[in-house]
C-alpha atoms as a PDB file:
ATOM      1  CA  MET A   1       0.988  13.479  33.768  1.00  0.00           C
ATOM      2  CA  LYS A   2       3.539  12.687  30.937  1.00  0.00           C
ATOM      3  CA  SER A   3       3.063   9.143  31.893  1.00  0.00           C
ATOM      4  CA  LEU A   4      -0.664   9.084  31.389  1.00  0.00           C
ATOM      5  CA  PHE A   5      -0.462  10.753  27.946  1.00  0.00           C
ATOM      6  CA  LYS A   6       2.293   8.345  27.020  1.00  0.00           C
ATOM      7  CA  HIS A   7       0.235   5.365  27.923  1.00  0.00           C
ATOM      8  CA  SER A   8      -2.985   6.803  26.443  1.00  0.00           C
ATOM      9  CA  LEU A   9      -1.170   7.307  23.110  1.00  0.00           C
ATOM     10  CA  ILE A  10       0.144   3.649  23.227  1.00  0.00           C
ATOM     11  CA  LEU A  11      -3.272   2.304  23.919  1.00  0.00           C
ATOM     12  CA  PHE A  12      -4.709   4.483  21.182  1.00  0.00           C
ATOM     13  CA  LEU A  13      -2.113   3.234  18.629  1.00  0.00           C
ATOM     14  CA  SER A  14      -2.865  -0.331  19.640  1.00  0.00           C
ATOM     15  CA  VAL A  15      -6.341  -0.219  19.224  1.00  0.00           C
ATOM     16  CA  SER A  16      -5.968   1.882  15.736  1.00  0.00           C
ATOM     17  CA  LEU A  17      -3.673  -1.040  14.511  1.00  0.00           C
ATOM     18  CA  VAL A  18      -6.170  -3.764  15.446  1.00  0.00           C
ATOM     19  CA  SER A  19      -8.940  -1.581  13.703  1.00  0.00           C
ATOM     20  CA  CYS A  20      -7.161  -1.736  10.379  1.00  0.00           C
ATOM     21  CA  GLY A  21      -8.448  -5.540  10.254  1.00  0.00           C
ATOM     22  CA  ASP A  22     -12.034  -4.336  10.006  1.00  0.00           C
ATOM     23  CA  LYS A  23     -12.896  -4.557   6.163  1.00  0.00           C
ATOM     24  CA  ASP A  24     -16.637  -5.427   6.595  1.00  0.00           C
ATOM     25  CA  GLY A  25     -18.411  -3.516   3.876  1.00  0.00           C
ATOM     26  CA  ASP A  26     -15.358  -2.148   2.425  1.00  0.00           C
ATOM     27  CA  PRO A  27     -16.008  -1.366  -1.382  1.00  0.00           C
ATOM     28  CA  MET A  28     -12.308  -1.505  -2.159  1.00  0.00           C
ATOM     29  CA  ALA A  29     -11.709  -5.145  -1.651  1.00  0.00           C
ATOM     30  CA  PRO A  30      -9.135  -6.400  -3.876  1.00  0.00           C
ATOM     31  CA  ASP A  31      -9.905  -8.311  -7.177  1.00  0.00           C
ATOM     32  CA  ASP A  32      -8.259 -11.819  -7.050  1.00  0.00           C
ATOM     33  CA  ASN A  33      -9.245 -12.388 -10.801  1.00  0.00           C
ATOM     34  CA  VAL A  34      -6.800  -9.863 -12.193  1.00  0.00           C
ATOM     35  CA  MET A  35      -5.515 -11.285 -15.245  1.00  0.00           C
ATOM     36  CA  VAL A  36      -1.852 -10.371 -16.425  1.00  0.00           C
ATOM     37  CA  VAL A  37      -1.327 -11.208 -20.336  1.00  0.00           C
ATOM     38  CA  GLY A  38       2.046 -12.504 -21.298  1.00  0.00           C
ATOM     39  CA  GLN A  39       5.260 -11.233 -20.416  1.00  0.00           C
ATOM     40  CA  ILE A  40       5.383  -7.970 -18.358  1.00  0.00           C
ATOM     41  CA  ASP A  41       7.694  -4.940 -18.674  1.00  0.00           C
ATOM     42  CA  VAL A  42       8.845  -3.091 -15.433  1.00  0.00           C
ATOM     43  CA  LEU A  43       8.375   0.436 -15.860  1.00  0.00           C
ATOM     44  CA  LYS A  44       9.442   1.535 -12.433  1.00  0.00           C
ATOM     45  CA  SER A  45      10.115  -0.390  -9.174  1.00  0.00           C
ATOM     46  CA  GLY A  46      11.549   0.467  -5.695  1.00  0.00           C
ATOM     47  CA  THR A  47      12.264  -1.561  -2.437  1.00  0.00           C
ATOM     48  CA  LEU A  48       9.657  -0.976   0.595  1.00  0.00           C
ATOM     49  CA  SER A  49      11.059   0.798   3.692  1.00  0.00           C
ATOM     50  CA  ALA A  50       9.292  -0.349   6.735  1.00  0.00           C
ATOM     51  CA  GLN A  51       7.482   2.350   8.883  1.00  0.00           C
ATOM     52  CA  SER A  52       5.438   2.419  12.221  1.00  0.00           C
ATOM     53  CA  SER A  53       7.248  -0.578  13.781  1.00  0.00           C
ATOM     54  CA  THR A  54       5.893  -2.782  11.023  1.00  0.00           C
ATOM     55  CA  ASN A  55       7.814  -5.720   9.243  1.00  0.00           C
ATOM     56  CA  THR A  56       6.824  -4.409   5.818  1.00  0.00           C
ATOM     57  CA  GLN A  57       9.172  -5.721   3.094  1.00  0.00           C
ATOM     58  CA  GLY A  58       9.699  -6.497  -0.562  1.00  0.00           C
ATOM     59  CA  MET A  59       9.361  -4.532  -3.823  1.00  0.00           C
ATOM     60  CA  VAL A  60       6.676  -2.421  -5.526  1.00  0.00           C
ATOM     61  CA  SER A  61       6.731  -2.145  -9.317  1.00  0.00           C
ATOM     62  CA  LEU A  62       4.645  -0.274 -12.069  1.00  0.00           C
ATOM     63  CA  VAL A  63       4.459  -2.785 -14.926  1.00  0.00           C
ATOM     64  CA  LYS A  64       2.667  -3.063 -18.341  1.00  0.00           C
ATOM     65  CA  ASP A  65       1.680  -6.560 -19.706  1.00  0.00           C
ATOM     66  CA  ALA A  66       1.652  -7.746 -23.299  1.00  0.00           C
ATOM     67  CA  SER A  67      -1.848  -6.436 -23.839  1.00  0.00           C
ATOM     68  CA  GLY A  68      -0.941  -2.890 -22.886  1.00  0.00           C
ATOM     69  CA  LYS A  69      -2.476  -2.811 -19.363  1.00  0.00           C
ATOM     70  CA  TYR A  70      -0.722  -1.246 -16.508  1.00  0.00           C
ATOM     71  CA  PHE A  71      -0.536  -2.898 -12.958  1.00  0.00           C
ATOM     72  CA  VAL A  72       1.031  -2.306  -9.495  1.00  0.00           C
ATOM     73  CA  GLN A  73       2.996  -5.379  -8.744  1.00  0.00           C
ATOM     74  CA  LEU A  74       3.940  -6.579  -5.244  1.00  0.00           C
ATOM     75  CA  SER A  75       6.878  -8.945  -5.372  1.00  0.00           C
ATOM     76  CA  ASP A  76       6.892 -12.403  -4.033  1.00  0.00           C
ATOM     77  CA  THR A  77       8.854 -11.150  -1.036  1.00  0.00           C
ATOM     78  CA  PHE A  78       6.227  -8.547  -0.028  1.00  0.00           C
ATOM     79  CA  THR A  79       4.873  -8.736   3.541  1.00  0.00           C
ATOM     80  CA  THR A  80       3.698  -6.294   6.100  1.00  0.00           C
ATOM     81  CA  LYS A  81       1.936  -6.470   9.364  1.00  0.00           C
ATOM     82  CA  PHE A  82      -1.054  -8.639   8.251  1.00  0.00           C
ATOM     83  CA  SER A  83      -1.913  -9.346  12.056  1.00  0.00           C
ATOM     84  CA  THR A  84      -3.736  -5.938  12.037  1.00  0.00           C
ATOM     85  CA  GLY A  85      -5.927  -6.979   8.984  1.00  0.00           C
ATOM     86  CA  THR A  86      -5.799  -5.454   5.466  1.00  0.00           C
ATOM     87  CA  VAL A  87      -3.836  -2.481   4.412  1.00  0.00           C
ATOM     88  CA  THR A  88      -4.193  -0.216   1.457  1.00  0.00           C
ATOM     89  CA  VAL A  89      -1.820   0.451  -1.468  1.00  0.00           C
ATOM     90  CA  TYR A  90      -1.310   4.027  -2.839  1.00  0.00           C
ATOM     91  CA  LEU A  91       0.686   5.758  -5.563  1.00  0.00           C
ATOM     92  CA  ALA A  92       1.796   9.211  -4.170  1.00  0.00           C
ATOM     93  CA  THR A  93       3.767  12.276  -5.097  1.00  0.00           C
ATOM     94  CA  SER A  94       6.200  11.626  -1.933  1.00  0.00           C
ATOM     95  CA  GLN A  95       6.992   8.957   0.733  1.00  0.00           C
ATOM     96  CA  THR A  96       4.282  10.638   2.947  1.00  0.00           C
ATOM     97  CA  LEU A  97       0.434  10.117   2.248  1.00  0.00           C
ATOM     98  CA  ASN A  98      -1.371  13.281   2.384  1.00  0.00           C
ATOM     99  CA  PRO A  99      -5.248  12.199   2.502  1.00  0.00           C
ATOM    100  CA  ASN A 100      -6.207  15.841   2.411  1.00  0.00           C
ATOM    101  CA  SER A 101      -4.815  16.566  -0.895  1.00  0.00           C
ATOM    102  CA  ALA A 102      -6.458  14.211  -3.504  1.00  0.00           C
ATOM    103  CA  SER A 103      -4.033  15.729  -6.323  1.00  0.00           C
ATOM    104  CA  THR A 104      -1.041  13.977  -4.219  1.00  0.00           C
ATOM    105  CA  TYR A 105      -2.031  10.356  -4.552  1.00  0.00           C
ATOM    106  CA  GLN A 106      -3.885   7.542  -6.414  1.00  0.00           C
ATOM    107  CA  LEU A 107      -5.593   4.872  -4.466  1.00  0.00           C
ATOM    108  CA  VAL A 108      -4.664   1.372  -5.948  1.00  0.00           C
ATOM    109  CA  SER A 109      -6.340  -1.256  -3.741  1.00  0.00           C
ATOM    110  CA  ILE A 110      -6.548  -3.220  -0.467  1.00  0.00           C
ATOM    111  CA  VAL A 111      -3.929  -5.853  -0.013  1.00  0.00           C
ATOM    112  CA  GLY A 112      -4.590  -8.542   2.646  1.00  0.00           C
ATOM    113  CA  LYS A 113      -2.148 -11.250   2.012  1.00  0.00           C
ATOM    114  CA  PRO A 114       1.664 -11.461   1.503  1.00  0.00           C
ATOM    115  CA  GLY A 115       3.318 -12.557  -1.548  1.00  0.00           C
ATOM    116  CA  GLU A 116       3.262 -11.493  -5.442  1.00  0.00           C
ATOM    117  CA  GLN A 117       0.108  -9.847  -6.572  1.00  0.00           C
ATOM    118  CA  PHE A 118      -1.101  -7.567  -9.324  1.00  0.00           C
ATOM    119  CA  PHE A 119      -3.534  -4.631  -9.026  1.00  0.00           C
ATOM    120  CA  ALA A 120      -5.038  -3.355 -12.207  1.00  0.00           C
ATOM    121  CA  LEU A 121      -4.685   0.425 -13.021  1.00  0.00           C
ATOM    122  CA  PRO A 122      -7.162   2.338 -15.295  1.00  0.00           C
ATOM    123  CA  GLY A 123      -4.152   3.508 -17.343  1.00  0.00           C
ATOM    124  CA  LEU A 124      -0.603   4.762 -16.969  1.00  0.00           C
ATOM    125  CA  PRO A 125      -0.446   6.669 -13.807  1.00  0.00           C
ATOM    126  CA  ASP A 126       0.579  10.451 -13.670  1.00  0.00           C
ATOM    127  CA  ALA A 127       4.379  10.807 -13.757  1.00  0.00           C
ATOM    128  CA  LYS A 128       4.308  12.887 -10.748  1.00  0.00           C
ATOM    129  CA  LEU A 129       3.312   9.787  -8.665  1.00  0.00           C
ATOM    130  CA  THR A 130       6.734   8.717  -7.764  1.00  0.00           C
ATOM    131  CA  HIS A 131       6.281   6.443  -4.644  1.00  0.00           C
ATOM    132  CA  ALA A 132       4.239   3.606  -3.557  1.00  0.00           C
ATOM    133  CA  ILE A 133       2.753   3.774   0.019  1.00  0.00           C
ATOM    134  CA  ILE A 134       1.352   0.733   2.155  1.00  0.00           C
ATOM    135  CA  TRP A 135      -1.031   2.714   4.478  1.00  0.00           C
ATOM    136  CA  CYS A 136      -3.517   1.731   7.253  1.00  0.00           C
ATOM    137  CA  GLY A 137      -6.404   4.036   6.903  1.00  0.00           C
ATOM    138  CA  ALA A 138      -8.075   3.132   9.950  1.00  0.00           C
ATOM    139  CA  ALA A 139      -5.104   4.159  12.098  1.00  0.00           C
ATOM    140  CA  ALA A 140      -3.918   6.723   9.744  1.00  0.00           C
ATOM    141  CA  ILE A 141      -0.486   5.535   9.834  1.00  0.00           C
ATOM    142  CA  PRO A 142       2.039   4.450   7.216  1.00  0.00           C
ATOM    143  CA  PHE A 143       3.388   0.801   7.097  1.00  0.00           C
ATOM    144  CA  GLY A 144       5.894   1.363   4.508  1.00  0.00           C
ATOM    145  CA  PHE A 145       6.891   3.154   1.280  1.00  0.00           C
ATOM    146  CA  ALA A 146       9.101   2.830  -1.914  1.00  0.00           C
ATOM    147  CA  LYS A 147      10.320   5.417  -4.063  1.00  0.00           C
ATOM    148  CA  LEU A 148       9.855   4.143  -7.719  1.00  0.00           C
ATOM    149  CA  ASP A 149      12.660   4.650 -10.200  1.00  0.00           C
END
């Protein structure tokens, strides 16, 4: 019985990981036209720790450009398990995303490629958002997190 449960769980997780790639009709597609103006100031940053057997690595930073706009920046060394498709970036109050408590996170964007990227924010995020999380919503599992200091 335990063996059947274990195999069923592995099958479920495998199917869930593959389903992260389905972004048809997803309204949160990243904006590849984000324009960062001039020099950027790094306000907070942290190194990603991989989770859920992914290869997530790189850095996440909260930055401000010369025009006063705020962004989440993924470093040029950023990568994650892109074989599963797109994943999502969140800012959160801890290293664990709680999708049932909207006051504990801020959605940033979908990210679908490795390397340096900037995601525009509507303003300076709330100070209580101390972590960045790389998340696969379809499987409801974390791919990585970084404490922003």
